[in-house]
Amino acid sequence: MPTVDVFNISGEKVKEVQLDDGVFGAEVRPYLLHDVVIWQLANRRAATAKTKSRSEVSGGGAKPWKQKGTGKARSGSNRSPVWRHGGVTFGPNNRNYAIKLPKKVRNQALCSALSMKTGENLLKVVDAVSLEEPKTRQFVNALGALGMQETLVVVGNVNANVALASRNHCKSKVLDVRGLNVYDILKYKGLIMDLEAIEFIEERLKK
């Protein structure tokens, strides 16, 4: 089992903790990470693009002119896609981009992402994440003391002061452990987790 140091918010080592080998010491499988990131981004797409077909645009009704004898090309409706202000052929129509991915695959990818951060020494475990005041300066100083600037901070329960202090810091993100996902782990260089978050994620992902 991987053994890592536990720090306080001031960057001082307070103890050590053993991490679950199946969650933080699993085999890193890049193809799973790729599949889950594609799944996450596809499910985020709003799919709001919409065009009107010939059955939805205004107009139509009477035939524009008689079939023969005018010297013009025959036409049956001014809603035809070849006409100005006519309908659109094969345009976007509220397409659903969501794809399905088995829960087992998503869990394995999450273990791979956590194991990758652990293996690269980019995971910092802290006893708790809390601030005395909701000040961005205090939050930045805490990250500096831990040696982690561009980082994802995962906590068991989001402290109100931490939530307020972190929202103006564009290079980091505070996330409740229940919303932990592969995309955010890969997006940020570092990963900070408190003991409560470690316990929750191990209970959820252990085999």
N, C-alpha and C. Protein backbone atom coordinates (compact mmCIF):
# COMPACT_ATOMS: atom_id res chain seq x y z
N MET A 1 0.83 -1.20 0.00
CA MET A 1 0.00 0.00 0.00
C MET A 1 0.87 1.25 0.00
N PRO A 2 0.50 2.26 -0.82
CA PRO A 2 1.27 3.50 -0.81
C PRO A 2 1.14 4.21 0.53
N THR A 3 2.27 4.67 1.05
CA THR A 3 2.28 5.43 2.30
C THR A 3 2.68 6.87 1.98
N VAL A 4 1.84 7.81 2.39
CA VAL A 4 2.10 9.21 2.10
C VAL A 4 2.06 10.02 3.40
N ASP A 5 2.73 11.16 3.36
CA ASP A 5 2.73 12.07 4.51
C ASP A 5 1.42 12.86 4.55
N VAL A 6 1.00 13.17 5.77
CA VAL A 6 -0.18 14.01 5.97
C VAL A 6 0.29 15.35 6.53
N PHE A 7 -0.16 16.44 5.89
CA PHE A 7 0.25 17.78 6.28
C PHE A 7 -0.94 18.55 6.84
N ASN A 8 -0.63 19.59 7.60
CA ASN A 8 -1.69 20.52 7.97
C ASN A 8 -1.73 21.64 6.95
N ILE A 9 -2.64 22.58 7.12
CA ILE A 9 -2.84 23.63 6.14
C ILE A 9 -1.65 24.58 6.06
N SER A 10 -0.76 24.51 7.06
CA SER A 10 0.44 25.35 7.06
C SER A 10 1.62 24.67 6.40
N GLY A 11 1.44 23.45 5.89
CA GLY A 11 2.50 22.74 5.21
C GLY A 11 3.39 21.94 6.13
N GLU A 12 2.99 21.73 7.40
CA GLU A 12 3.79 20.96 8.36
C GLU A 12 3.31 19.52 8.40
N LYS A 13 4.25 18.59 8.39
CA LYS A 13 3.89 17.18 8.44
C LYS A 13 3.38 16.83 9.84
N VAL A 14 2.25 16.15 9.88
CA VAL A 14 1.67 15.79 11.17
C VAL A 14 1.66 14.27 11.39
N LYS A 15 1.58 13.50 10.32
CA LYS A 15 1.60 12.04 10.45
C LYS A 15 1.72 11.41 9.07
N GLU A 16 1.59 10.10 9.02
CA GLU A 16 1.58 9.37 7.76
C GLU A 16 0.29 8.55 7.67
N VAL A 17 -0.09 8.23 6.44
CA VAL A 17 -1.30 7.43 6.23
C VAL A 17 -1.06 6.46 5.08
N GLN A 18 -1.62 5.27 5.22
CA GLN A 18 -1.54 4.28 4.17
C GLN A 18 -2.78 4.38 3.28
N LEU A 19 -2.55 4.43 1.97
CA LEU A 19 -3.64 4.53 1.02
C LEU A 19 -3.97 3.15 0.45
N ASP A 20 -5.21 2.99 0.07
CA ASP A 20 -5.66 1.72 -0.50
C ASP A 20 -4.96 1.47 -1.83
N ASP A 21 -4.38 0.30 -1.96
CA ASP A 21 -3.60 -0.03 -3.15
C ASP A 21 -4.48 -0.14 -4.39
N GLY A 22 -5.70 -0.56 -4.22
CA GLY A 22 -6.59 -0.69 -5.37
C GLY A 22 -7.09 0.63 -5.91
N VAL A 23 -7.01 1.70 -5.10
CA VAL A 23 -7.50 3.02 -5.51
C VAL A 23 -6.34 3.94 -5.89
N PHE A 24 -5.29 3.96 -5.07
CA PHE A 24 -4.18 4.88 -5.30
C PHE A 24 -2.92 4.19 -5.81
N GLY A 25 -2.98 2.88 -5.98
CA GLY A 25 -1.82 2.15 -6.50
C GLY A 25 -2.18 1.24 -7.65
N ALA A 26 -3.26 1.57 -8.35
CA ALA A 26 -3.73 0.74 -9.45
C ALA A 26 -2.92 1.01 -10.72
N GLU A 27 -3.09 0.12 -11.69
CA GLU A 27 -2.42 0.29 -12.98
C GLU A 27 -3.03 1.50 -13.69
N VAL A 28 -2.17 2.33 -14.24
CA VAL A 28 -2.63 3.51 -14.99
C VAL A 28 -2.91 3.10 -16.43
N ARG A 29 -4.18 3.24 -16.82
CA ARG A 29 -4.58 2.84 -18.17
C ARG A 29 -5.07 4.08 -18.93
N PRO A 30 -4.19 4.63 -19.78
CA PRO A 30 -4.52 5.89 -20.48
C PRO A 30 -5.77 5.80 -21.35
N TYR A 31 -6.04 4.63 -21.94
CA TYR A 31 -7.21 4.53 -22.81
C TYR A 31 -8.50 4.70 -22.02
N LEU A 32 -8.51 4.30 -20.75
CA LEU A 32 -9.70 4.51 -19.92
C LEU A 32 -9.87 6.00 -19.61
N LEU A 33 -8.75 6.67 -19.32
CA LEU A 33 -8.81 8.11 -19.06
C LEU A 33 -9.37 8.84 -20.28
N HIS A 34 -8.92 8.45 -21.46
CA HIS A 34 -9.41 9.07 -22.69
C HIS A 34 -10.90 8.84 -22.87
N ASP A 35 -11.35 7.62 -22.67
CA ASP A 35 -12.77 7.30 -22.86
C ASP A 35 -13.66 8.10 -21.90
N VAL A 36 -13.22 8.22 -20.65
CA VAL A 36 -14.04 8.92 -19.67
C VAL A 36 -14.06 10.42 -19.91
N VAL A 37 -12.94 11.00 -20.34
CA VAL A 37 -12.91 12.43 -20.65
C VAL A 37 -13.85 12.73 -21.83
N ILE A 38 -13.80 11.89 -22.86
CA ILE A 38 -14.70 12.07 -24.00
C ILE A 38 -16.15 11.95 -23.54
N TRP A 39 -16.43 11.00 -22.66
CA TRP A 39 -17.78 10.81 -22.12
C TRP A 39 -18.24 12.04 -21.35
N GLN A 40 -17.37 12.59 -20.51
CA GLN A 40 -17.73 13.76 -19.72
C GLN A 40 -18.01 14.97 -20.60
N LEU A 41 -17.12 15.22 -21.56
CA LEU A 41 -17.28 16.40 -22.41
C LEU A 41 -18.50 16.27 -23.31
N ALA A 42 -18.77 15.06 -23.79
CA ALA A 42 -19.95 14.86 -24.64
C ALA A 42 -21.23 15.11 -23.86
N ASN A 43 -21.26 14.65 -22.60
CA ASN A 43 -22.47 14.83 -21.79
C ASN A 43 -22.67 16.28 -21.36
N ARG A 44 -21.61 17.09 -21.43
CA ARG A 44 -21.74 18.49 -21.07
C ARG A 44 -22.32 19.35 -22.20
N ARG A 45 -22.28 18.85 -23.42
CA ARG A 45 -22.70 19.65 -24.57
C ARG A 45 -24.17 19.99 -24.46
N ALA A 46 -24.48 21.25 -24.64
CA ALA A 46 -25.86 21.70 -24.48
C ALA A 46 -26.75 21.27 -25.64
N ALA A 47 -26.18 21.15 -26.84
CA ALA A 47 -26.94 20.74 -28.03
C ALA A 47 -28.14 21.64 -28.26
N THR A 48 -27.91 22.95 -28.25
CA THR A 48 -29.00 23.91 -28.43
C THR A 48 -29.13 24.41 -29.86
N ALA A 49 -28.21 24.00 -30.76
CA ALA A 49 -28.30 24.44 -32.15
C ALA A 49 -29.57 23.88 -32.80
N LYS A 50 -30.32 24.75 -33.48
CA LYS A 50 -31.61 24.33 -34.05
C LYS A 50 -31.90 25.14 -35.30
N THR A 51 -32.22 24.46 -36.39
CA THR A 51 -32.68 25.12 -37.61
C THR A 51 -34.07 24.62 -37.95
N LYS A 52 -34.77 25.37 -38.78
CA LYS A 52 -36.13 25.00 -39.17
C LYS A 52 -36.11 24.27 -40.51
N SER A 53 -36.83 23.19 -40.55
CA SER A 53 -36.99 22.46 -41.81
C SER A 53 -38.10 23.11 -42.62
N ARG A 54 -38.36 22.59 -43.82
CA ARG A 54 -39.37 23.19 -44.68
C ARG A 54 -40.78 23.07 -44.09
N SER A 55 -40.95 22.15 -43.15
CA SER A 55 -42.27 22.01 -42.53
C SER A 55 -42.47 22.99 -41.39
N GLU A 56 -41.43 23.72 -41.00
CA GLU A 56 -41.51 24.60 -39.84
C GLU A 56 -41.44 26.10 -40.19
N VAL A 57 -40.90 26.43 -41.38
CA VAL A 57 -40.81 27.84 -41.74
C VAL A 57 -42.18 28.36 -42.18
N SER A 58 -42.33 29.69 -42.11
CA SER A 58 -43.60 30.29 -42.52
C SER A 58 -43.70 30.30 -44.05
N GLY A 59 -44.92 30.38 -44.53
CA GLY A 59 -45.13 30.40 -45.97
C GLY A 59 -45.80 29.13 -46.44
N GLY A 60 -45.62 28.84 -47.72
CA GLY A 60 -46.24 27.64 -48.27
C GLY A 60 -47.66 27.91 -48.72
N GLY A 61 -48.44 26.89 -48.72
CA GLY A 61 -49.83 27.06 -49.15
C GLY A 61 -49.95 26.93 -50.66
N ALA A 62 -50.28 28.02 -51.32
CA ALA A 62 -50.53 27.97 -52.77
C ALA A 62 -49.24 27.73 -53.55
N LYS A 63 -49.37 27.09 -54.66
CA LYS A 63 -48.23 26.88 -55.56
C LYS A 63 -47.81 28.24 -56.13
N PRO A 64 -46.50 28.58 -56.12
CA PRO A 64 -46.06 29.93 -56.52
C PRO A 64 -46.51 30.31 -57.93
N TRP A 65 -46.46 29.43 -58.88
CA TRP A 65 -46.95 29.65 -60.25
C TRP A 65 -47.32 28.32 -60.87
N LYS A 66 -47.99 28.40 -61.98
CA LYS A 66 -48.47 27.18 -62.60
C LYS A 66 -47.29 26.32 -63.06
N GLN A 67 -47.57 25.05 -63.23
CA GLN A 67 -46.52 24.08 -63.52
C GLN A 67 -45.83 24.35 -64.85
N LYS A 68 -46.60 24.68 -65.87
CA LYS A 68 -46.03 24.80 -67.23
C LYS A 68 -46.39 26.14 -67.84
N GLY A 69 -45.59 26.51 -68.84
CA GLY A 69 -45.93 27.65 -69.67
C GLY A 69 -45.33 28.97 -69.25
N THR A 70 -44.61 29.02 -68.11
CA THR A 70 -44.06 30.30 -67.65
C THR A 70 -42.61 30.48 -68.08
N GLY A 71 -41.96 29.42 -68.49
CA GLY A 71 -40.54 29.50 -68.81
C GLY A 71 -39.64 29.41 -67.59
N LYS A 72 -40.24 29.33 -66.44
CA LYS A 72 -39.47 29.20 -65.20
C LYS A 72 -39.38 27.73 -64.80
N ALA A 73 -38.46 27.46 -63.89
CA ALA A 73 -38.38 26.12 -63.32
C ALA A 73 -39.63 25.87 -62.50
N ARG A 74 -40.10 24.63 -62.54
CA ARG A 74 -41.30 24.31 -61.77
C ARG A 74 -41.02 24.43 -60.27
N SER A 75 -42.02 24.82 -59.54
CA SER A 75 -41.87 24.98 -58.09
C SER A 75 -43.21 24.70 -57.43
N GLY A 76 -43.15 24.02 -56.29
CA GLY A 76 -44.39 23.66 -55.60
C GLY A 76 -44.62 24.41 -54.30
N SER A 77 -43.56 25.02 -53.74
CA SER A 77 -43.72 25.71 -52.46
C SER A 77 -42.59 26.70 -52.26
N ASN A 78 -42.92 27.85 -51.68
CA ASN A 78 -41.86 28.82 -51.39
C ASN A 78 -41.13 28.48 -50.09
N ARG A 79 -41.47 27.35 -49.47
CA ARG A 79 -40.73 26.87 -48.29
C ARG A 79 -39.62 25.89 -48.68
N SER A 80 -39.43 25.68 -49.96
CA SER A 80 -38.40 24.76 -50.43
C SER A 80 -37.01 25.21 -49.98
N PRO A 81 -36.12 24.31 -49.63
CA PRO A 81 -34.76 24.69 -49.19
C PRO A 81 -33.96 25.46 -50.23
N VAL A 82 -34.34 25.38 -51.52
CA VAL A 82 -33.59 26.11 -52.55
C VAL A 82 -34.06 27.56 -52.66
N TRP A 83 -35.12 27.91 -51.97
CA TRP A 83 -35.62 29.28 -51.98
C TRP A 83 -35.04 30.07 -50.82
N ARG A 84 -34.97 31.38 -51.03
CA ARG A 84 -34.59 32.28 -49.94
C ARG A 84 -35.70 32.24 -48.88
N HIS A 85 -35.29 32.17 -47.63
CA HIS A 85 -36.21 32.04 -46.50
C HIS A 85 -36.89 30.68 -46.45
N GLY A 86 -36.40 29.74 -47.22
CA GLY A 86 -36.97 28.40 -47.17
C GLY A 86 -36.38 27.61 -46.00
N GLY A 87 -36.81 26.37 -45.90
CA GLY A 87 -36.31 25.53 -44.82
C GLY A 87 -34.86 25.11 -45.04
N VAL A 88 -34.25 24.56 -44.00
CA VAL A 88 -32.86 24.10 -44.05
C VAL A 88 -32.86 22.57 -44.14
N THR A 89 -32.04 22.06 -45.06
CA THR A 89 -31.95 20.61 -45.23
C THR A 89 -30.85 20.05 -44.35
N PHE A 90 -31.16 19.05 -43.57
CA PHE A 90 -30.20 18.34 -42.72
C PHE A 90 -29.46 19.27 -41.75
N GLY A 91 -30.15 20.29 -41.26
CA GLY A 91 -29.54 21.19 -40.29
C GLY A 91 -29.57 20.60 -38.89
N PRO A 92 -28.86 21.20 -37.93
CA PRO A 92 -28.88 20.71 -36.54
C PRO A 92 -30.28 20.84 -35.94
N ASN A 93 -30.66 19.86 -35.16
CA ASN A 93 -32.02 19.84 -34.64
C ASN A 93 -32.05 19.26 -33.23
N ASN A 94 -31.45 20.02 -32.28
CA ASN A 94 -31.43 19.61 -30.86
C ASN A 94 -30.85 18.20 -30.69
N ARG A 95 -29.74 17.96 -31.32
CA ARG A 95 -29.12 16.64 -31.24
C ARG A 95 -28.65 16.36 -29.81
N ASN A 96 -28.84 15.16 -29.35
CA ASN A 96 -28.37 14.75 -28.04
C ASN A 96 -26.99 14.09 -28.20
N TYR A 97 -25.95 14.74 -27.64
CA TYR A 97 -24.59 14.24 -27.80
C TYR A 97 -24.19 13.26 -26.69
N ALA A 98 -25.06 13.04 -25.73
CA ALA A 98 -24.71 12.18 -24.59
C ALA A 98 -24.41 10.76 -25.04
N ILE A 99 -23.40 10.16 -24.43
CA ILE A 99 -23.05 8.78 -24.69
C ILE A 99 -23.06 8.01 -23.38
N LYS A 100 -23.12 6.70 -23.49
CA LYS A 100 -23.18 5.86 -22.30
C LYS A 100 -21.82 5.21 -22.05
N LEU A 101 -21.50 5.05 -20.78
CA LEU A 101 -20.26 4.41 -20.39
C LEU A 101 -20.52 3.63 -19.11
N PRO A 102 -20.13 2.37 -19.05
CA PRO A 102 -20.41 1.57 -17.85
C PRO A 102 -19.80 2.18 -16.59
N LYS A 103 -20.50 2.03 -15.49
CA LYS A 103 -20.03 2.57 -14.21
C LYS A 103 -18.69 1.94 -13.83
N LYS A 104 -18.51 0.67 -14.13
CA LYS A 104 -17.25 -0.02 -13.81
C LYS A 104 -16.08 0.65 -14.52
N VAL A 105 -16.28 1.03 -15.77
CA VAL A 105 -15.22 1.69 -16.54
C VAL A 105 -14.91 3.05 -15.93
N ARG A 106 -15.95 3.79 -15.53
CA ARG A 106 -15.74 5.10 -14.94
C ARG A 106 -14.98 5.01 -13.62
N ASN A 107 -15.30 4.00 -12.81
CA ASN A 107 -14.59 3.81 -11.55
C ASN A 107 -13.13 3.42 -11.77
N GLN A 108 -12.89 2.56 -12.75
CA GLN A 108 -11.51 2.16 -13.05
C GLN A 108 -10.69 3.34 -13.55
N ALA A 109 -11.31 4.19 -14.35
CA ALA A 109 -10.61 5.38 -14.84
C ALA A 109 -10.29 6.33 -13.70
N LEU A 110 -11.21 6.47 -12.75
CA LEU A 110 -10.97 7.33 -11.60
C LEU A 110 -9.80 6.80 -10.76
N CYS A 111 -9.74 5.48 -10.59
CA CYS A 111 -8.60 4.88 -9.87
C CYS A 111 -7.31 5.11 -10.63
N SER A 112 -7.35 5.01 -11.96
CA SER A 112 -6.15 5.25 -12.78
C SER A 112 -5.66 6.68 -12.62
N ALA A 113 -6.59 7.63 -12.62
CA ALA A 113 -6.21 9.04 -12.48
C ALA A 113 -5.60 9.32 -11.11
N LEU A 114 -6.22 8.78 -10.06
CA LEU A 114 -5.69 8.97 -8.71
C LEU A 114 -4.33 8.29 -8.55
N SER A 115 -4.18 7.11 -9.14
CA SER A 115 -2.91 6.39 -9.06
C SER A 115 -1.81 7.11 -9.82
N MET A 116 -2.18 7.74 -10.93
CA MET A 116 -1.19 8.49 -11.71
C MET A 116 -0.66 9.68 -10.91
N LYS A 117 -1.56 10.41 -10.24
CA LYS A 117 -1.13 11.55 -9.43
C LYS A 117 -0.27 11.08 -8.25
N THR A 118 -0.65 9.95 -7.67
CA THR A 118 0.14 9.41 -6.55
C THR A 118 1.52 8.99 -7.01
N GLY A 119 1.60 8.30 -8.15
CA GLY A 119 2.88 7.83 -8.67
C GLY A 119 3.80 8.96 -9.08
N GLU A 120 3.24 10.09 -9.49
CA GLU A 120 4.05 11.24 -9.91
C GLU A 120 4.32 12.20 -8.76
N ASN A 121 3.96 11.81 -7.53
CA ASN A 121 4.16 12.64 -6.33
C ASN A 121 3.46 13.99 -6.44
N LEU A 122 2.30 13.99 -7.08
CA LEU A 122 1.51 15.21 -7.22
C LEU A 122 0.29 15.20 -6.32
N LEU A 123 0.20 14.20 -5.44
CA LEU A 123 -0.90 14.12 -4.49
C LEU A 123 -0.40 14.56 -3.11
N LYS A 124 -1.10 15.54 -2.52
CA LYS A 124 -0.80 15.97 -1.16
C LYS A 124 -2.02 15.68 -0.29
N VAL A 125 -1.80 15.00 0.82
CA VAL A 125 -2.88 14.69 1.75
C VAL A 125 -2.77 15.63 2.94
N VAL A 126 -3.87 16.26 3.29
CA VAL A 126 -3.90 17.17 4.44
C VAL A 126 -4.92 16.65 5.45
N ASP A 127 -4.71 17.02 6.70
CA ASP A 127 -5.65 16.56 7.72
C ASP A 127 -7.02 17.22 7.58
N ALA A 128 -7.04 18.50 7.21
CA ALA A 128 -8.31 19.21 7.00
C ALA A 128 -8.02 20.48 6.20
N VAL A 129 -9.01 20.94 5.48
CA VAL A 129 -8.89 22.17 4.72
C VAL A 129 -9.87 23.18 5.31
N SER A 130 -9.33 24.17 6.00
CA SER A 130 -10.17 25.19 6.63
C SER A 130 -9.40 26.50 6.71
N LEU A 131 -10.13 27.60 6.70
CA LEU A 131 -9.54 28.93 6.81
C LEU A 131 -10.28 29.72 7.88
N GLU A 132 -9.56 30.63 8.54
CA GLU A 132 -10.17 31.45 9.57
C GLU A 132 -11.10 32.50 8.98
N GLU A 133 -10.72 33.01 7.79
CA GLU A 133 -11.53 34.04 7.13
C GLU A 133 -11.67 33.68 5.66
N PRO A 134 -12.73 34.15 5.02
CA PRO A 134 -12.91 33.88 3.59
C PRO A 134 -12.07 34.82 2.73
N LYS A 135 -10.77 34.72 2.87
CA LYS A 135 -9.85 35.61 2.16
C LYS A 135 -9.06 34.82 1.12
N THR A 136 -9.04 35.32 -0.11
CA THR A 136 -8.30 34.65 -1.18
C THR A 136 -6.81 34.60 -0.85
N ARG A 137 -6.29 35.62 -0.20
CA ARG A 137 -4.88 35.64 0.16
C ARG A 137 -4.53 34.47 1.08
N GLN A 138 -5.40 34.19 2.04
CA GLN A 138 -5.15 33.06 2.94
C GLN A 138 -5.16 31.73 2.17
N PHE A 139 -6.06 31.61 1.22
CA PHE A 139 -6.13 30.38 0.42
C PHE A 139 -4.87 30.22 -0.42
N VAL A 140 -4.43 31.29 -1.04
CA VAL A 140 -3.22 31.23 -1.87
C VAL A 140 -2.00 30.92 -1.02
N ASN A 141 -1.92 31.51 0.17
CA ASN A 141 -0.80 31.24 1.07
C ASN A 141 -0.78 29.78 1.51
N ALA A 142 -1.96 29.21 1.73
CA ALA A 142 -2.04 27.80 2.12
C ALA A 142 -1.55 26.90 1.00
N LEU A 143 -1.93 27.20 -0.23
CA LEU A 143 -1.44 26.42 -1.37
C LEU A 143 0.07 26.56 -1.51
N GLY A 144 0.57 27.78 -1.29
CA GLY A 144 2.02 27.99 -1.37
C GLY A 144 2.77 27.22 -0.30
N ALA A 145 2.20 27.15 0.91
CA ALA A 145 2.85 26.41 1.99
C ALA A 145 2.92 24.91 1.67
N LEU A 146 1.93 24.44 0.93
CA LEU A 146 1.92 23.02 0.54
C LEU A 146 2.70 22.77 -0.74
N GLY A 147 3.17 23.84 -1.38
CA GLY A 147 3.92 23.69 -2.62
C GLY A 147 3.05 23.30 -3.79
N MET A 148 1.78 23.69 -3.74
CA MET A 148 0.82 23.32 -4.79
C MET A 148 0.06 24.58 -5.20
N GLN A 149 0.30 25.06 -6.42
CA GLN A 149 -0.36 26.27 -6.88
C GLN A 149 -1.52 25.94 -7.84
N GLU A 150 -1.20 25.31 -8.95
CA GLU A 150 -2.25 24.93 -9.90
C GLU A 150 -2.78 23.56 -9.48
N THR A 151 -3.82 23.55 -8.68
CA THR A 151 -4.19 22.30 -8.04
C THR A 151 -5.70 22.17 -7.88
N LEU A 152 -6.13 20.92 -7.78
CA LEU A 152 -7.51 20.59 -7.45
C LEU A 152 -7.56 20.21 -5.98
N VAL A 153 -8.41 20.89 -5.22
CA VAL A 153 -8.53 20.64 -3.79
C VAL A 153 -9.83 19.87 -3.56
N VAL A 154 -9.71 18.64 -3.08
CA VAL A 154 -10.87 17.77 -2.88
C VAL A 154 -11.08 17.60 -1.38
N VAL A 155 -12.27 17.93 -0.94
CA VAL A 155 -12.57 17.89 0.50
C VAL A 155 -13.81 17.05 0.75
N GLY A 156 -13.88 16.52 1.97
CA GLY A 156 -15.05 15.73 2.34
C GLY A 156 -16.29 16.58 2.49
N ASN A 157 -16.13 17.75 3.10
CA ASN A 157 -17.22 18.72 3.22
C ASN A 157 -16.64 20.10 2.97
N VAL A 158 -17.23 20.82 2.03
CA VAL A 158 -16.70 22.12 1.65
C VAL A 158 -16.98 23.14 2.74
N ASN A 159 -15.90 23.72 3.29
CA ASN A 159 -16.02 24.78 4.28
C ASN A 159 -16.43 26.08 3.60
N ALA A 160 -17.34 26.82 4.21
CA ALA A 160 -17.86 28.05 3.60
C ALA A 160 -16.74 29.06 3.34
N ASN A 161 -15.82 29.21 4.28
CA ASN A 161 -14.72 30.15 4.09
C ASN A 161 -13.82 29.73 2.93
N VAL A 162 -13.58 28.43 2.83
CA VAL A 162 -12.73 27.93 1.74
C VAL A 162 -13.42 28.13 0.40
N ALA A 163 -14.71 27.88 0.35
CA ALA A 163 -15.45 28.06 -0.90
C ALA A 163 -15.41 29.52 -1.37
N LEU A 164 -15.57 30.45 -0.44
CA LEU A 164 -15.55 31.86 -0.79
C LEU A 164 -14.14 32.33 -1.15
N ALA A 165 -13.15 31.83 -0.43
CA ALA A 165 -11.77 32.28 -0.65
C ALA A 165 -11.20 31.74 -1.96
N SER A 166 -11.69 30.59 -2.42
CA SER A 166 -11.09 29.95 -3.60
C SER A 166 -11.72 30.35 -4.91
N ARG A 167 -12.89 30.95 -4.86
CA ARG A 167 -13.60 31.17 -6.12
C ARG A 167 -12.96 32.24 -7.00
N ASN A 168 -12.11 33.09 -6.44
CA ASN A 168 -11.41 34.10 -7.24
C ASN A 168 -10.04 33.64 -7.69
N HIS A 169 -9.66 32.42 -7.33
CA HIS A 169 -8.34 31.90 -7.72
C HIS A 169 -8.52 31.01 -8.93
N CYS A 170 -8.16 31.54 -10.10
CA CYS A 170 -8.47 30.86 -11.36
C CYS A 170 -7.61 29.63 -11.61
N LYS A 171 -6.49 29.49 -10.89
CA LYS A 171 -5.58 28.37 -11.15
C LYS A 171 -5.85 27.16 -10.27
N SER A 172 -6.91 27.22 -9.49
CA SER A 172 -7.24 26.09 -8.63
C SER A 172 -8.75 25.94 -8.54
N LYS A 173 -9.17 24.83 -7.97
CA LYS A 173 -10.60 24.57 -7.83
C LYS A 173 -10.83 23.74 -6.58
N VAL A 174 -11.84 24.11 -5.81
CA VAL A 174 -12.24 23.34 -4.64
C VAL A 174 -13.46 22.50 -5.02
N LEU A 175 -13.38 21.20 -4.74
CA LEU A 175 -14.42 20.28 -5.19
C LEU A 175 -14.80 19.35 -4.06
N ASP A 176 -16.10 19.15 -3.88
CA ASP A 176 -16.58 18.15 -2.94
C ASP A 176 -16.23 16.76 -3.47
N VAL A 177 -15.83 15.86 -2.59
CA VAL A 177 -15.37 14.54 -3.03
C VAL A 177 -16.47 13.79 -3.77
N ARG A 178 -17.72 14.10 -3.50
CA ARG A 178 -18.83 13.42 -4.18
C ARG A 178 -18.91 13.81 -5.65
N GLY A 179 -18.24 14.89 -6.03
CA GLY A 179 -18.21 15.30 -7.43
C GLY A 179 -16.87 15.06 -8.09
N LEU A 180 -16.01 14.26 -7.45
CA LEU A 180 -14.69 13.99 -7.99
C LEU A 180 -14.81 13.30 -9.35
N ASN A 181 -14.04 13.77 -10.33
CA ASN A 181 -14.13 13.22 -11.68
C ASN A 181 -12.77 13.24 -12.36
N VAL A 182 -12.64 12.45 -13.40
CA VAL A 182 -11.37 12.28 -14.10
C VAL A 182 -10.94 13.57 -14.79
N TYR A 183 -11.87 14.27 -15.40
CA TYR A 183 -11.52 15.48 -16.17
C TYR A 183 -10.85 16.52 -15.28
N ASP A 184 -11.41 16.78 -14.10
CA ASP A 184 -10.83 17.78 -13.20
C ASP A 184 -9.48 17.32 -12.65
N ILE A 185 -9.34 16.02 -12.40
CA ILE A 185 -8.04 15.52 -11.91
C ILE A 185 -6.95 15.77 -12.94
N LEU A 186 -7.27 15.52 -14.22
CA LEU A 186 -6.27 15.69 -15.28
C LEU A 186 -6.06 17.15 -15.65
N LYS A 187 -7.07 17.98 -15.43
CA LYS A 187 -6.97 19.39 -15.82
C LYS A 187 -5.96 20.15 -14.97
N TYR A 188 -5.90 19.83 -13.68
CA TYR A 188 -5.00 20.54 -12.77
C TYR A 188 -3.75 19.71 -12.51
N LYS A 189 -2.65 20.41 -12.36
CA LYS A 189 -1.37 19.72 -12.19
C LYS A 189 -1.31 18.96 -10.87
N GLY A 190 -1.69 19.60 -9.78
CA GLY A 190 -1.61 18.99 -8.45
C GLY A 190 -2.96 18.52 -7.96
N LEU A 191 -2.93 17.73 -6.89
CA LEU A 191 -4.16 17.22 -6.27
C LEU A 191 -3.98 17.22 -4.76
N ILE A 192 -4.85 17.93 -4.07
CA ILE A 192 -4.85 17.97 -2.61
C ILE A 192 -6.14 17.32 -2.12
N MET A 193 -6.02 16.39 -1.19
CA MET A 193 -7.19 15.72 -0.63
C MET A 193 -7.07 15.69 0.88
N ASP A 194 -8.19 15.93 1.57
CA ASP A 194 -8.15 15.81 3.02
C ASP A 194 -8.50 14.38 3.43
N LEU A 195 -8.29 14.06 4.68
CA LEU A 195 -8.46 12.69 5.15
C LEU A 195 -9.90 12.20 4.99
N GLU A 196 -10.84 13.10 5.19
CA GLU A 196 -12.25 12.72 5.04
C GLU A 196 -12.56 12.32 3.59
N ALA A 197 -11.98 13.06 2.64
CA ALA A 197 -12.17 12.75 1.23
C ALA A 197 -11.50 11.42 0.87
N ILE A 198 -10.30 11.19 1.43
CA ILE A 198 -9.60 9.92 1.19
C ILE A 198 -10.44 8.75 1.67
N GLU A 199 -10.98 8.86 2.86
CA GLU A 199 -11.79 7.78 3.42
C GLU A 199 -13.03 7.52 2.57
N PHE A 200 -13.67 8.59 2.12
CA PHE A 200 -14.89 8.44 1.32
C PHE A 200 -14.60 7.77 -0.01
N ILE A 201 -13.54 8.23 -0.70
CA ILE A 201 -13.26 7.72 -2.04
C ILE A 201 -12.77 6.27 -1.98
N GLU A 202 -12.04 5.91 -0.92
CA GLU A 202 -11.60 4.53 -0.78
C GLU A 202 -12.80 3.60 -0.52
N GLU A 203 -13.72 4.06 0.28
CA GLU A 203 -14.91 3.26 0.57
C GLU A 203 -15.76 3.07 -0.70
N ARG A 204 -15.77 4.08 -1.52
CA ARG A 204 -16.58 4.02 -2.74
C ARG A 204 -15.95 3.17 -3.83
N LEU A 205 -14.61 3.22 -3.94
CA LEU A 205 -13.95 2.60 -5.09
C LEU A 205 -13.24 1.31 -4.78
N LYS A 206 -13.05 0.97 -3.51
CA LYS A 206 -12.29 -0.23 -3.21
C LYS A 206 -13.01 -1.46 -3.72
N LYS A 207 -12.23 -2.45 -4.15
CA LYS A 207 -12.78 -3.67 -4.76
C LYS A 207 -13.18 -4.67 -3.67
